[in-house]
Amino acid sequence: MPTQVGLADYLGIDRTVITYVIDALVDAGLVERVQDPADRRARKIVPADLGAAHHAALERDVRVAEEAVLRVLAVDERVVFRSLLGRVARGSRDDLT
């Protein structure tokens, strides 16, 4: 469970802006702020039931889309492709911070 500050840092979003983003997600019923048992001053951001359901539906949609796009690759090629693409994505994110 990340904190607001942790999310801001991970996403490369200004710490003052992340509050508004999370407020909007809370208002939409997608996430909740819960007290961090390890630090009473901190709030963890956790998915609400609706947010978890949306996330699961989106994961299914992505899986279907991936299968459609990657159907031309053999199973072992798909594994390599996903691994390489993940490295590129993480490297790009790291370059932005």
Protein backbone atom coordinates (compact mmCIF):
# COMPACT_ATOMS: atom_id res chain seq x y z
CA MET A 1 0.00 0.00 0.00
CA PRO A 2 1.74 3.16 -1.15
CA THR A 3 1.42 6.56 0.46
CA GLN A 4 0.52 9.71 -1.46
CA VAL A 5 4.16 10.80 -1.40
CA GLY A 6 5.28 7.36 -2.56
CA LEU A 7 2.82 7.46 -5.45
CA ALA A 8 3.87 10.96 -6.42
CA ASP A 9 7.51 9.96 -6.47
CA TYR A 10 6.85 6.75 -8.40
CA LEU A 11 4.67 8.47 -11.00
CA GLY A 12 6.81 11.58 -11.26
CA ILE A 13 3.90 13.80 -10.23
CA ASP A 14 4.44 16.90 -8.13
CA ARG A 15 3.58 16.17 -4.50
CA THR A 16 1.14 19.07 -4.38
CA VAL A 17 -0.70 17.81 -7.45
CA ILE A 18 -1.04 14.19 -6.32
CA THR A 19 -3.45 15.30 -3.58
CA TYR A 20 -5.91 16.55 -6.20
CA VAL A 21 -5.51 13.40 -8.28
CA ILE A 22 -6.19 11.17 -5.29
CA ASP A 23 -9.09 13.38 -4.17
CA ALA A 24 -10.69 12.82 -7.57
CA LEU A 25 -10.15 9.06 -7.32
CA VAL A 26 -11.65 9.04 -3.80
CA ASP A 27 -14.65 11.08 -5.02
CA ALA A 28 -15.13 8.56 -7.85
CA GLY A 29 -15.13 5.72 -5.31
CA LEU A 30 -12.04 4.08 -6.82
CA VAL A 31 -9.58 4.41 -3.91
CA GLU A 32 -9.63 5.11 -0.19
CA ARG A 33 -7.17 6.71 2.18
CA VAL A 34 -6.52 4.58 5.26
CA GLN A 35 -4.32 5.31 8.24
CA ASP A 36 -0.89 3.69 8.10
CA PRO A 37 -0.60 1.51 11.20
CA ALA A 38 3.15 2.14 11.26
CA ASP A 39 2.81 5.95 11.09
CA ARG A 40 -0.32 7.70 12.36
CA ARG A 41 0.51 10.79 10.30
CA ALA A 42 0.62 8.92 7.00
CA ARG A 43 -2.27 7.67 4.88
CA LYS A 44 -2.02 4.68 2.59
CA ILE A 45 -3.88 4.66 -0.70
CA VAL A 46 -5.84 1.44 -1.21
CA PRO A 47 -8.31 0.38 -3.87
CA ALA A 48 -11.98 0.62 -2.96
CA ASP A 49 -14.25 -2.23 -4.03
CA LEU A 50 -15.29 -0.32 -7.14
CA GLY A 51 -11.65 0.46 -7.98
CA ALA A 52 -10.65 -3.17 -7.57
CA ALA A 53 -13.50 -4.25 -9.86
CA HIS A 54 -12.50 -1.67 -12.50
CA HIS A 55 -8.88 -2.78 -12.25
CA ALA A 56 -9.83 -6.43 -12.73
CA ALA A 57 -11.98 -5.56 -15.76
CA LEU A 58 -9.19 -3.50 -17.30
CA GLU A 59 -6.68 -6.30 -16.75
CA ARG A 60 -9.01 -8.68 -18.60
CA ASP A 61 -9.38 -6.19 -21.46
CA VAL A 62 -5.61 -5.75 -21.70
CA ARG A 63 -5.09 -9.54 -21.73
CA VAL A 64 -7.57 -9.91 -24.60
CA ALA A 65 -5.92 -7.06 -26.53
CA GLU A 66 -2.44 -8.48 -25.92
CA GLU A 67 -3.50 -11.89 -27.17
CA ALA A 68 -4.97 -10.31 -30.32
CA VAL A 69 -1.83 -8.29 -31.05
CA LEU A 70 0.72 -10.91 -30.07
CA ARG A 71 -1.01 -13.88 -31.71
CA VAL A 72 1.60 -13.79 -34.52
CA LEU A 73 4.35 -14.64 -32.00
CA ALA A 74 5.11 -18.04 -30.53
CA VAL A 75 4.62 -18.39 -26.77
CA ASP A 76 8.36 -18.19 -26.05
CA GLU A 77 8.65 -15.10 -28.27
CA ARG A 78 5.82 -13.44 -26.33
CA VAL A 79 7.72 -14.01 -23.08
CA VAL A 80 10.86 -12.41 -24.51
CA PHE A 81 8.90 -9.53 -26.05
CA ARG A 82 7.11 -8.73 -22.78
CA SER A 83 10.37 -8.90 -20.85
CA LEU A 84 12.13 -6.53 -23.24
CA LEU A 85 9.19 -4.16 -23.37
CA GLY A 86 9.09 -4.08 -19.55
CA ARG A 87 12.77 -3.16 -19.43
CA VAL A 88 12.22 -0.36 -21.95
CA ALA A 89 9.23 0.98 -19.99
CA ARG A 90 11.06 0.90 -16.64
CA GLY A 91 14.12 2.53 -18.21
CA SER A 92 11.98 5.27 -19.71
CA ARG A 93 10.29 5.93 -16.38
CA ASP A 94 13.64 6.05 -14.62
CA ASP A 95 14.96 8.52 -17.19
CA LEU A 96 12.06 10.89 -16.44
CA THR A 97 12.79 11.09 -12.72
